[in-house]
Every structure is written in C-alpha cells, then in structure tokens.
Protein backbone atom coordinates (compact mmCIF):
# COMPACT_ATOMS: atom_id res chain seq x y z
CA MET A 1 0.07 0.07 0.19
CA GLN A 2 3.00 2.44 0.45
CA HIS A 3 3.21 5.15 -2.32
CA SER A 4 6.56 6.65 -2.64
CA ALA A 5 6.30 8.50 -5.54
CA CYS A 6 5.38 12.31 -5.62
CA LYS A 7 2.00 12.90 -7.75
CA SER A 8 0.39 15.93 -8.61
CA SER A 9 -3.47 16.43 -8.28
CA ARG A 10 -5.28 17.09 -11.42
CA ILE A 11 -8.09 19.35 -11.43
CA GLN A 12 -10.62 19.46 -14.54
CA THR A 13 -13.57 21.68 -15.37
CA LEU A 14 -16.77 19.88 -15.42
CA ALA A 15 -19.41 20.78 -18.11
CA ILE A 16 -22.24 21.16 -15.58
CA PRO A 17 -24.74 23.76 -15.37
CA SER A 18 -24.26 26.21 -12.65
CA SER A 19 -27.77 26.05 -11.60
CA THR A 20 -27.21 22.02 -10.62
CA ASP A 21 -27.25 21.23 -7.12
CA ILE A 22 -24.53 19.22 -5.66
CA THR A 23 -27.21 16.84 -4.38
CA GLU A 24 -28.06 15.90 -8.04
CA LEU A 25 -24.93 14.53 -8.76
CA PHE A 26 -24.33 12.87 -5.05
CA ALA A 27 -27.57 11.25 -5.28
CA ASP A 28 -26.02 8.29 -7.32
CA PHE A 29 -23.83 7.73 -4.70
CA CYS A 30 -25.65 8.44 -1.43
CA GLN A 31 -26.48 4.68 -0.93
CA SER A 32 -23.11 3.42 -1.11
CA LYS A 33 -20.97 2.68 2.02
CA TRP A 34 -18.36 5.62 2.67
CA SER A 35 -19.90 7.96 0.32
CA ILE A 36 -19.71 11.53 2.10
CA LEU A 37 -21.14 14.96 1.16
CA LEU A 38 -19.78 18.29 2.94
CA ASP A 39 -22.41 20.71 1.68
CA SER A 40 -23.15 24.30 2.18
CA SER A 41 -27.26 23.57 1.64
CA ASN A 42 -27.35 26.61 -0.70
CA SER A 43 -26.49 28.97 2.32
CA THR A 44 -25.53 32.53 1.88
CA HIS A 45 -23.42 32.17 4.83
CA LYS A 46 -19.45 33.45 4.43
CA ASN A 47 -18.29 29.78 4.88
CA ALA A 48 -20.52 28.52 2.41
CA ARG A 49 -18.50 28.99 -0.92
CA PHE A 50 -17.59 25.09 -1.86
CA ASP A 51 -19.34 21.82 -1.77
CA ILE A 52 -17.65 18.57 -1.83
CA PHE A 53 -18.29 14.85 -2.31
CA VAL A 54 -16.46 11.73 -2.41
CA ALA A 55 -16.93 8.31 -2.64
CA ASN A 56 -15.21 4.70 -3.15
CA PRO A 57 -12.33 5.26 -0.83
CA ILE A 58 -8.77 3.57 -1.30
CA ALA A 59 -8.92 3.00 2.55
CA ALA A 60 -10.93 3.68 5.44
CA ILE A 61 -10.42 3.51 9.28
CA THR A 62 -13.13 3.08 12.22
CA ALA A 63 -12.38 3.21 15.79
CA LYS A 64 -14.27 2.35 19.05
CA GLN A 65 -12.28 3.50 22.06
CA HIS A 66 -8.75 2.67 21.29
CA LEU A 67 -9.38 -0.31 18.94
CA CYS A 68 -9.21 0.78 15.06
CA GLU A 69 -9.90 -1.51 12.13
CA ILE A 70 -8.66 -0.48 8.99
CA GLU A 71 -10.20 -1.62 5.40
CA TYR A 72 -7.86 -1.46 2.26
CA PHE A 73 -10.29 -1.40 -0.93
CA TYR A 74 -7.59 -0.55 -3.34
CA ASP A 75 -3.85 -1.55 -4.08
CA GLN A 76 -1.79 -0.93 -7.19
CA GLU A 77 -1.38 -4.78 -8.17
CA ASN A 78 -5.11 -5.78 -7.98
CA GLY A 79 -7.30 -2.52 -7.97
CA TYR A 80 -10.25 -2.56 -6.03
CA SER A 81 -11.26 -5.88 -4.69
CA ALA A 82 -14.59 -7.39 -3.30
CA ILE A 83 -12.42 -8.99 -0.42
CA GLN A 84 -10.64 -6.29 1.46
CA LYS A 85 -7.62 -6.32 3.59
CA VAL A 86 -8.65 -5.62 7.13
CA LEU A 87 -6.25 -4.83 10.03
CA LYS A 88 -7.00 -4.54 13.49
CA ILE A 89 -4.74 -2.22 15.71
CA GLU A 90 -4.73 -0.95 19.17
CA GLY A 91 -3.69 2.41 19.55
CA GLN A 92 -4.36 6.46 19.41
CA PRO A 93 -6.95 6.82 16.46
CA ILE A 94 -5.77 10.05 15.01
CA HIS A 95 -2.29 8.95 15.19
CA ILE A 96 -2.95 5.90 13.15
CA LEU A 97 -5.21 7.73 10.76
CA ARG A 98 -2.06 10.22 10.25
CA THR A 99 0.06 7.22 9.62
CA LEU A 100 -2.90 5.53 7.15
CA LEU A 101 -2.99 9.13 5.37
CA LYS A 102 0.78 9.29 4.63
CA SER A 103 0.87 5.47 3.55
CA THR A 104 -2.12 5.41 1.14
CA LEU A 105 -1.82 8.75 -0.76
CA PRO A 106 1.54 10.08 -2.64
CA LYS A 107 3.04 12.91 -1.47
CA ALA A 108 1.53 15.85 -3.23
CA LEU A 109 3.37 18.22 -5.97
CA PRO A 110 1.88 21.20 -7.15
CA ILE A 111 -1.63 21.03 -8.84
CA GLU A 112 -2.32 20.52 -12.46
CA THR A 113 -5.28 22.40 -13.63
CA GLU A 114 -6.94 23.81 -16.57
CA THR A 115 -7.87 27.06 -14.73
CA PRO A 116 -6.27 29.08 -12.04
CA ILE A 117 -8.52 27.98 -8.88
CA SER A 118 -7.69 27.24 -5.36
CA LEU A 119 -9.95 24.35 -4.22
CA PRO A 120 -9.92 23.70 -0.43
CA PHE A 121 -9.61 19.93 -0.80
CA THR A 122 -8.51 17.74 -3.83
CA SER A 123 -8.01 14.28 -2.15
CA GLY A 124 -7.17 13.03 1.52
CA ALA A 125 -9.23 12.06 4.37
CA VAL A 126 -12.99 12.75 4.73
CA GLY A 127 -15.23 11.30 7.66
CA PHE A 128 -16.37 12.18 11.31
CA PHE A 129 -14.70 12.09 14.99
CA GLY A 130 -17.55 11.47 17.49
CA TYR A 131 -17.77 13.24 20.93
CA ASP A 132 -16.81 9.94 22.62
CA LEU A 133 -13.28 9.80 20.79
CA GLY A 134 -12.32 12.34 23.47
CA ARG A 135 -12.15 9.33 25.71
CA CYS A 136 -9.06 7.96 23.97
CA TYR A 137 -7.35 11.30 25.06
CA GLU A 138 -8.61 12.02 28.55
CA SER A 139 -9.56 9.58 31.29
CA LEU A 140 -13.09 10.24 32.01
CA PRO A 141 -16.09 8.08 33.60
CA SER A 142 -18.25 5.90 32.14
CA LEU A 143 -21.80 6.25 33.49
CA ALA A 144 -24.02 7.23 30.54
CA LYS A 145 -25.39 4.25 28.68
CA ASP A 146 -23.51 3.64 24.92
CA GLY A 147 -26.33 2.02 23.24
CA TYR A 148 -25.07 2.65 19.55
CA SER A 149 -23.45 0.69 16.95
CA ASN A 150 -21.96 3.64 15.34
CA SER A 151 -18.08 4.16 15.64
CA ASP A 152 -16.25 6.80 17.66
CA MET A 153 -14.46 7.71 14.47
CA ALA A 154 -15.00 6.94 10.89
CA VAL A 155 -12.77 8.23 8.16
CA GLY A 156 -12.02 7.28 4.57
CA VAL A 157 -8.98 8.12 2.39
CA TYR A 158 -10.18 9.27 -1.06
CA GLY A 159 -8.03 9.62 -4.28
CA TRP A 160 -10.78 11.93 -5.89
CA SER A 161 -13.71 14.51 -5.03
CA VAL A 162 -15.96 16.52 -6.77
CA ILE A 163 -16.19 20.10 -5.92
CA LYS A 164 -18.77 22.89 -6.34
CA ASP A 165 -17.77 26.46 -6.34
CA ASN A 166 -20.93 28.13 -5.30
CA GLN A 167 -19.40 31.75 -6.14
CA THR A 168 -18.72 30.91 -9.68
CA GLY A 169 -20.99 27.96 -10.02
CA LEU A 170 -18.51 25.86 -11.84
CA PHE A 171 -17.72 22.11 -10.94
CA TYR A 172 -14.59 20.38 -10.72
CA LEU A 173 -13.47 16.88 -10.76
CA ALA A 174 -9.81 16.81 -8.64
CA ASP A 175 -8.19 13.29 -8.93
CA ILE A 176 -4.52 11.92 -8.89
CA PRO A 177 -3.10 10.11 -12.06
CA GLY A 178 -2.68 6.68 -11.62
CA LEU A 179 -5.19 6.22 -8.79
CA PRO A 180 -8.82 5.12 -9.90
CA ALA A 181 -11.42 7.68 -10.43
CA PRO A 182 -14.53 8.49 -12.30
CA SER A 183 -13.81 10.14 -15.69
CA LYS A 184 -15.05 13.60 -16.53
CA SER A 185 -17.88 12.23 -18.69
CA GLU A 186 -19.20 9.70 -15.89
CA ILE A 187 -19.51 12.49 -13.73
CA GLU A 188 -21.24 14.79 -15.93
CA ASN A 189 -23.54 12.04 -17.06
CA LEU A 190 -24.92 11.64 -13.38
CA LEU A 191 -27.41 14.30 -14.31
CA ASN A 192 -29.34 11.75 -16.58
CA ALA A 193 -28.83 8.84 -14.43
CA PRO A 194 -31.92 7.11 -13.19
CA ALA A 195 -32.69 7.51 -9.30
CA HIS A 196 -31.90 4.56 -7.21
CA PRO A 197 -35.37 2.82 -5.66
CA GLU A 198 -33.84 3.55 -2.37
CA THR A 199 -33.59 7.02 -2.54
CA GLN A 200 -37.27 7.49 -3.67
CA GLN A 201 -38.65 5.66 -0.58
CA LYS A 202 -40.62 8.00 1.46
CA TYR A 203 -38.99 8.89 4.77
CA LYS A 204 -41.29 8.70 7.66
CA LEU A 205 -41.49 8.65 11.50
CA GLU A 206 -43.17 5.34 12.77
CA THR A 207 -43.16 6.52 16.33
CA ARG A 208 -43.20 9.97 17.81
CA TRP A 209 -40.07 11.65 19.13
CA GLU A 210 -39.18 10.96 22.60
CA ALA A 211 -36.82 12.92 24.59
CA ASN A 212 -34.30 10.87 26.93
CA MET A 213 -35.34 13.02 29.80
CA SER A 214 -38.43 14.85 31.00
CA LYS A 215 -38.59 18.68 31.29
CA ALA A 216 -38.54 18.15 35.01
CA GLU A 217 -35.55 16.09 34.73
CA TYR A 218 -33.89 18.35 32.64
CA VAL A 219 -34.61 21.53 35.05
CA THR A 220 -33.55 19.32 37.98
CA LYS A 221 -30.10 18.57 36.02
CA LEU A 222 -29.51 21.96 35.39
CA GLN A 223 -29.92 22.95 39.06
CA ARG A 224 -27.43 20.25 39.92
CA ILE A 225 -24.82 21.91 37.39
CA LEU A 226 -25.69 25.35 39.11
CA ASP A 227 -24.36 23.77 42.38
CA TYR A 228 -21.26 22.44 40.37
CA LEU A 229 -20.69 26.31 39.41
CA ARG A 230 -21.18 27.71 42.71
CA ALA A 231 -18.90 25.00 44.38
CA GLY A 232 -16.50 26.02 41.89
CA ASP A 233 -16.22 23.05 40.02
CA CYS A 234 -16.70 24.61 36.60
CA TYR A 235 -17.29 28.15 35.03
CA GLN A 236 -19.57 26.50 32.36
CA VAL A 237 -21.17 23.30 31.57
CA ASN A 238 -22.93 22.00 28.26
CA LEU A 239 -26.07 19.85 29.00
CA ALA A 240 -28.12 18.23 26.07
CA GLN A 241 -31.02 16.07 25.91
CA ARG A 242 -31.67 13.44 23.13
CA PHE A 243 -34.66 12.99 21.13
CA SER A 244 -35.20 9.69 19.29
CA ALA A 245 -37.83 8.00 17.12
CA ARG A 246 -38.14 4.83 15.11
CA PHE A 247 -38.32 5.64 11.37
CA SER A 248 -38.68 3.83 7.90
CA GLY A 249 -37.67 4.86 4.28
CA SER A 250 -34.72 6.94 2.85
CA THR A 251 -32.24 8.72 5.09
CA TRP A 252 -31.28 10.57 1.88
CA GLN A 253 -34.83 11.93 1.58
CA ALA A 254 -34.79 13.17 5.07
CA TYR A 255 -31.53 14.78 4.75
CA LEU A 256 -32.93 16.60 1.66
CA LYS A 257 -35.63 17.87 3.68
CA LEU A 258 -33.54 19.08 6.42
CA ARG A 259 -31.05 20.91 4.20
CA LYS A 260 -33.88 22.86 2.49
CA SER A 261 -35.20 24.14 5.85
CA ASN A 262 -31.75 24.86 7.60
CA GLN A 263 -29.58 26.15 4.86
CA ALA A 264 -26.57 25.32 7.25
CA PRO A 265 -22.79 26.06 5.92
CA PHE A 266 -21.49 22.88 7.52
CA SER A 267 -23.93 20.43 6.43
CA ALA A 268 -22.88 16.81 5.59
CA TYR A 269 -24.19 13.29 4.90
CA ILE A 270 -22.19 10.28 5.65
CA GLN A 271 -23.37 6.94 4.92
CA LEU A 272 -21.79 3.78 6.35
CA LEU A 273 -22.56 0.41 6.60
CA ASN A 274 -24.89 0.10 9.34
CA SER A 275 -25.57 3.78 10.09
CA THR A 276 -25.74 7.19 8.46
CA VAL A 277 -25.35 10.80 9.71
CA LEU A 278 -27.26 13.85 8.93
CA SER A 279 -25.87 17.14 9.81
CA ILE A 280 -27.06 20.68 9.38
CA SER A 281 -24.51 22.12 11.71
CA PRO A 282 -23.85 25.86 11.53
CA GLU A 283 -20.64 25.87 13.50
CA ARG A 284 -16.78 25.75 12.22
CA PHE A 285 -14.61 23.88 14.67
CA LEU A 286 -11.04 24.03 13.15
CA LYS A 287 -9.80 25.20 9.82
CA VAL A 288 -6.26 25.08 8.72
CA LYS A 289 -5.00 26.80 5.63
CA ASP A 290 -1.57 27.26 4.69
CA ASN A 291 -0.68 26.52 8.36
CA GLN A 292 -3.02 29.45 9.61
CA VAL A 293 -5.44 28.23 11.97
CA GLU A 294 -9.17 29.50 12.37
CA SER A 295 -11.74 28.61 14.98
CA GLN A 296 -15.10 29.86 15.12
CA PRO A 297 -17.16 28.96 18.50
CA ILE A 298 -20.92 29.71 18.85
CA LYS A 299 -22.13 30.56 22.23
CA GLY A 300 -25.48 32.62 22.83
CA THR A 301 -28.76 31.93 21.01
CA ARG A 302 -32.08 33.64 20.34
CA PRO A 303 -34.90 32.03 18.49
CA ARG A 304 -36.00 33.52 15.06
CA ALA A 305 -39.43 35.32 14.94
CA THR A 306 -41.61 35.48 11.79
CA GLU A 307 -42.39 39.02 12.68
CA LEU A 308 -39.75 41.22 11.52
CA LYS A 309 -39.70 43.70 14.70
CA THR A 310 -39.54 40.63 17.17
CA ASP A 311 -36.79 39.09 15.04
CA LEU A 312 -34.67 42.34 15.35
CA HIS A 313 -35.46 42.57 18.63
CA ASN A 314 -34.38 39.28 19.45
CA ILE A 315 -30.94 40.08 17.65
CA GLU A 316 -30.49 43.22 19.99
CA GLU A 317 -31.07 41.37 23.00
CA LEU A 318 -28.63 38.73 22.18
CA ARG A 319 -26.28 41.56 21.20
CA ASN A 320 -26.46 43.18 24.33
CA SER A 321 -26.88 40.13 26.58
CA ALA A 322 -24.13 40.33 29.38
CA LYS A 323 -24.80 36.64 30.04
CA ASP A 324 -24.35 35.19 26.73
CA ARG A 325 -21.28 37.67 26.02
CA ALA A 326 -19.62 36.21 29.21
CA GLU A 327 -20.70 32.48 28.19
CA ASN A 328 -18.98 33.15 24.82
CA LEU A 329 -16.03 34.70 26.17
CA MET A 330 -15.31 31.68 28.42
CA ILE A 331 -15.05 29.52 25.55
CA VAL A 332 -13.22 32.02 23.50
CA ASP A 333 -10.62 31.80 26.41
CA LEU A 334 -10.75 27.96 26.43
CA LEU A 335 -10.06 27.78 22.76
CA ARG A 336 -7.23 30.26 23.16
CA ASN A 337 -5.67 27.75 25.61
CA ASP A 338 -6.51 24.49 23.29
CA LEU A 339 -4.73 26.37 20.22
CA SER A 340 -1.63 27.06 22.12
CA LYS A 341 -0.84 23.46 22.49
CA THR A 342 0.11 23.19 18.91
CA CYS A 343 0.49 26.90 17.49
CA GLU A 344 3.18 29.17 17.71
CA ASP A 345 3.94 31.22 20.83
CA HIS A 346 2.07 34.74 20.59
CA SER A 347 0.46 33.73 17.57
CA ILE A 348 -3.20 33.16 19.06
CA GLN A 349 -5.45 36.23 18.28
CA VAL A 350 -9.24 36.83 18.49
CA PRO A 351 -10.09 39.22 15.47
CA GLU A 352 -13.63 39.18 15.95
CA LEU A 353 -15.60 39.01 19.47
CA PHE A 354 -19.25 38.62 19.62
CA ALA A 355 -20.54 38.92 16.22
CA ILE A 356 -24.25 38.23 15.32
CA GLU A 357 -25.10 35.48 12.74
CA THR A 358 -28.53 34.52 11.79
CA PHE A 359 -29.71 31.19 10.50
CA GLU A 360 -33.18 29.81 9.74
CA ALA A 361 -34.10 28.72 13.57
CA VAL A 362 -32.08 30.95 15.35
CA HIS A 363 -29.58 33.69 15.71
CA HIS A 364 -26.04 32.80 17.28
CA LEU A 365 -23.14 34.90 19.03
CA VAL A 366 -20.05 33.97 17.26
CA SER A 367 -16.42 34.69 17.87
CA THR A 368 -13.32 34.10 15.67
CA VAL A 369 -9.98 32.77 17.24
CA THR A 370 -6.70 32.27 15.14
CA GLY A 371 -3.26 31.15 15.25
CA THR A 372 -0.19 29.61 13.07
CA LEU A 373 0.66 25.99 13.56
CA LYS A 374 4.15 25.34 14.79
CA ALA A 375 6.34 23.86 12.26
CA ASP A 376 6.48 20.48 14.19
CA ASN A 377 2.88 20.10 14.13
CA ASP A 378 0.27 19.45 11.63
CA SER A 379 -3.73 19.87 11.38
CA LEU A 380 -4.02 16.34 13.15
CA SER A 381 -2.12 17.46 16.08
CA LEU A 382 -4.26 20.39 16.22
CA LEU A 383 -7.38 18.40 16.36
CA GLU A 384 -5.83 16.08 19.03
CA GLY A 385 -5.00 18.95 21.12
CA ALA A 386 -8.43 20.75 20.92
CA PHE A 387 -11.04 17.77 20.65
CA PRO A 388 -13.84 17.85 21.46
CA GLY A 389 -14.61 21.58 20.90
CA GLY A 390 -14.77 23.66 23.96
CA SER A 391 -18.00 25.19 22.53
CA ILE A 392 -20.12 21.86 23.56
CA THR A 393 -18.37 21.00 26.69
CA GLY A 394 -17.73 23.96 29.01
CA ALA A 395 -14.72 25.19 31.18
CA PRO A 396 -12.67 23.87 32.35
CA LYS A 397 -13.24 21.09 29.83
CA ILE A 398 -12.49 17.96 31.55
CA ARG A 399 -14.46 18.63 34.52
CA ALA A 400 -17.26 19.54 32.45
CA MET A 401 -16.90 16.46 30.49
CA GLU A 402 -17.22 14.42 33.62
CA ILE A 403 -20.30 16.24 34.82
CA ILE A 404 -21.78 16.00 31.24
CA ASP A 405 -21.15 12.00 31.61
CA GLU A 406 -22.62 12.21 34.87
CA LEU A 407 -25.93 14.16 34.06
CA GLU A 408 -26.72 13.07 30.59
CA PRO A 409 -28.42 9.32 30.49
CA ASP A 410 -26.82 8.46 27.03
CA ARG A 411 -23.52 9.03 25.43
CA ARG A 412 -23.14 11.66 22.82
CA ASN A 413 -21.49 9.45 19.85
CA ILE A 414 -21.53 11.57 16.72
CA TYR A 415 -23.17 14.51 18.45
CA CYS A 416 -20.83 17.44 19.41
CA GLY A 417 -18.00 15.51 17.46
CA SER A 418 -16.80 16.94 14.32
CA ILE A 419 -17.25 16.28 10.53
CA GLY A 420 -14.74 17.40 7.98
CA TYR A 421 -11.74 16.52 5.77
CA ILE A 422 -7.69 16.70 6.03
CA ASP A 423 -6.39 17.39 2.44
CA ARG A 424 -3.28 15.60 1.64
CA ASN A 425 -1.40 18.90 1.57
CA GLY A 426 -2.13 19.55 5.03
CA ASP A 427 -4.91 21.59 4.95
CA MET A 428 -8.11 20.99 6.96
CA ASP A 429 -11.54 22.07 7.94
CA THR A 430 -14.01 20.77 10.48
CA SER A 431 -17.56 21.34 11.91
CA ILE A 432 -18.89 21.01 15.31
CA CYS A 433 -21.53 18.27 15.08
CA ILE A 434 -24.42 20.39 16.38
CA ARG A 435 -27.80 19.90 14.71
CA THR A 436 -26.49 16.50 13.89
CA LEU A 437 -28.56 13.30 13.76
CA LEU A 438 -27.73 9.43 13.77
CA CYS A 439 -29.61 7.09 11.99
CA GLU A 440 -29.11 3.24 12.76
CA ASP A 441 -31.34 0.25 13.27
CA SER A 442 -34.46 1.82 12.10
CA GLN A 443 -33.88 4.64 14.94
CA ILE A 444 -33.08 8.13 14.64
CA TYR A 445 -31.60 10.28 17.15
CA CYS A 446 -31.23 13.74 17.38
CA TRP A 447 -29.79 16.22 20.56
CA ALA A 448 -29.91 19.75 21.62
CA GLY A 449 -28.43 21.72 24.71
CA GLY A 450 -26.65 24.83 25.68
CA GLY A 451 -23.82 26.03 27.86
CA ILE A 452 -25.20 26.61 31.41
CA VAL A 453 -23.49 29.37 33.59
CA LEU A 454 -24.16 30.86 37.05
CA ASP A 455 -26.83 33.27 35.94
CA SER A 456 -28.85 30.65 33.40
CA ASN A 457 -32.35 30.34 34.22
CA PRO A 458 -33.33 26.55 33.83
CA GLN A 459 -36.65 27.16 32.14
CA ASP A 460 -35.15 29.53 29.74
CA GLU A 461 -32.18 27.10 29.01
CA TYR A 462 -34.73 24.19 28.28
CA GLN A 463 -36.79 26.41 25.77
CA GLU A 464 -33.53 27.12 24.13
CA SER A 465 -32.75 23.31 23.60
CA LEU A 466 -36.05 23.15 21.83
CA ASP A 467 -35.70 26.48 19.74
CA LYS A 468 -32.47 24.74 18.38
CA VAL A 469 -34.42 21.81 16.90
CA SER A 470 -37.42 23.88 15.96
CA LYS A 471 -36.44 23.44 12.28
CA ILE A 472 -35.60 19.91 12.45
CA LEU A 473 -37.81 17.59 14.78
CA PRO A 474 -41.03 19.18 12.93
CA ILE A 475 -39.26 18.91 9.51
CA LEU A 476 -39.05 15.18 9.90
CA ASP A 477 -42.60 14.54 11.41
CA ASN A 478 -45.12 12.75 8.85
CA ASP A 479 -47.21 15.98 8.56
CA GLN A 480 -44.45 17.88 6.94
C-alpha cells in the first residue's frame, strides 16, 4: 500500500450547469458505503462557498475507543477488490489515521489544473470524529449508556473528489493520475442517471419523538450543574437532551428535507455500512489553510421570529446580553488555550468577538480565534489537542465532560463531535456536530442543549434547547 512517488493532483472543469445542485450528482452515490457529502446547503453564509463529495475510498478507518479497524479497498497490483484487507490495531485513532493517510496517498506536488483555482480539498481524509473519541485522550467516567453501533471515529481516504464553487457556479473533478477515479464524462452523465429506488422511498417516522429526559428531569439536572458552578467545579457546563424515534424509508430523503429548511453552511451526509449521519451544523470547529488556524465558536442563542420587529428585537437582546457575552468569552479563552498547545507562541488572536450570525431557526453569537501552527505540528496534531470542541463541553473542559457523563443518560456518539476533511497537503476544515442526527437500526437520534453558567435560568435553557431543533424535529414529522 505504500506510495513513495510524488504525484500532482489534477483538476478538471466539468461541463455541468451552474444551476445544478450538488445533491443531484451525489444522489447516485448516497446509498454506497463510505460516500460522504460536505454540503453548504445553498446557504448565503460566508463559510458556504464550496460543496464537496467523495466516494469509493482507497482505505478507511473506524475506531471504537482504542480499537481501530482499517479496511484497504484498493492496491496498485489488484485494483479494487470485493475482498478487502482488514487490519485491527490498538492505539490512538488520530495517530493511526495520520499513518494511514501518509501510507495510502502519494506526497503532493503542485496541482495540475486547466484554470487558476484554489480548491479547499482535492484528495485526502474525509469523515467524522465522534464526541466520545475524547475518551481516548482523557480519563473520563463511563456512567452514560453507550447503546450505539456507530463508531467513535469513521474516516475514509479518497483519491478523488467532486467540488462545486458556489461563488462561480463551476464544478470540478479532482483526482490523482494513476489512482482510480471516475472520468469527466461519468460525472457529467450523473445528471441523466436514473434515481436509485432506495433514494425514492418516502422517509417517515413510525413513532413520535421521545426525549431521554422529561422537562422536570432536565431542569433538575440544570440545578445540579448550578450547584457545581457555585462550588467552583466549573465556569460553564454544556447539557444536552436526546430525542429519538423509529423511522422507515430513505435517510437521503430525510437529509434533503433538513438541508432545504436549515441551509446550514456545514451540512453533511455520511453513509456507512450500518449507520447514516445527517448534519446541518452552522458551526466551524477548526480550519487550517497554509498553517493558519481558525476556529469560530458559537455561544449565545435567540430564536428566529416570523415578525421582523420581533426578530430584530431578539438580535438586539442577544447582542446586549451580558450573560451570553460572558458565556461566549469563556469558550473563547478555552479555545485560545487549546490552540496554544500546537500553535506558535504569541500567534493566538481574536479578530472578531461577539459577532451576530443569523440562521434559519436561531440567531447566534459567534467569535473567531486564529493562530499559526508550529512547524513540528500538523492539522491532526491541532485536532488532537483541541478535541472535543470547547463550545460543546464547558470550562474547564475535563471537569465539564465528567459532569456531562454524570448527568446525561446516554452518550453523545456523533453529537458534538466533528465532521470534515484533511487534504493531503495538510489543510483541514471541520465542523462542530450540533444539529446533527444519527440513523441506525431503524432508529433516528437528535440532540439539543446549551451552555449553563451561574446566571442561567433553567426554564429559559430548556426552551433554548427546543428552539435549536425547531427546524429539525417538526421538519421530519410525517405531517411535513
């Protein structure tokens, strides 16, 4: 599997109308294991320029705690094979992923392209890092139930990708000559491909949404957090409730409904063998471009209103809320500390503090933290040092995670983890998996929560958790 030769990526412009949605092409792959769409969902947000999809990986890695399973789907002698080589290794999953990425993809040379375009991704690793992957890096209690078959980490290594530049409307096929990839014409002809029957099956709930704690239980747990805060254990703790229901039909159809209603810039669809991840996240976790690091934590929320006057009032209330600004600042300070582990001394900056960003369901308070990677670190070092994101744990992080495990009845799995890519040139972009759903064994799971600080009102915090799923749970109801 070792590739020692340096090879350049090739970028070809596709003859696809700019009005085409990326989902029209990806629909042909969406039922295949290890097909992944990183999707801006037609958002007008500043982070929504590119859509990316990948399929048919060269290799893939899944991890449950420290046990990693690597599947090799391709080698230069035999090509793709129905019988894959499987290797099981104990160790730190992100470290093993780094080794896999280096061994399966050749070192990159300058890109061969028909047009001067800087794409965020051409080939490399794409997938998810679940919240519970943090247990591989910190010693945490195991009180919450782990009833999921889904992995703690699932990442494929891909030699090709299709990208849409939403600014220009142009589509591109990026690949590495010598490695298998669809041809230009095969991608262009996807627009005329008949839909798979599975993608046409109507998605529907077979049962009502059910929370894993009642309102009274949720409020009681919030009171317990306030006790911890008063005792000095933490400054802030994130608490989430989980909603679940039985479903039937196409998860792809469910995703299409969600992306249309939410238009979130960090949306994603991940198809694995026995599970599917649907994400409509608005939040960036970590981005690396030419060793420059950016994180954009969200803390502070107000609901959208149908009446403009009320909507503007909610924005101003959020902008001037001392409680929400303090909550946001705590996480900014936590991220500054996390980034300092792998960034150059004195390079950490906060160019934007308490910006208002508006999405379909809510308004958010968003800050930006930047830095420069040290020469002896890479994107995966940064991810290890900052994982899971502080905006969904609390501060101090480890004590907050201990309290989360004590008070939340079920583990989070994909929720509050991260989805994204690591290009083979070292660039990375990842989301925080809020507004993210897991489908497995005919069961669909969705979570919502918020950061609790000393002046939090339990009733308000409970309502905020419902506001965050106001464009998810009803959208997937049978009446919609």
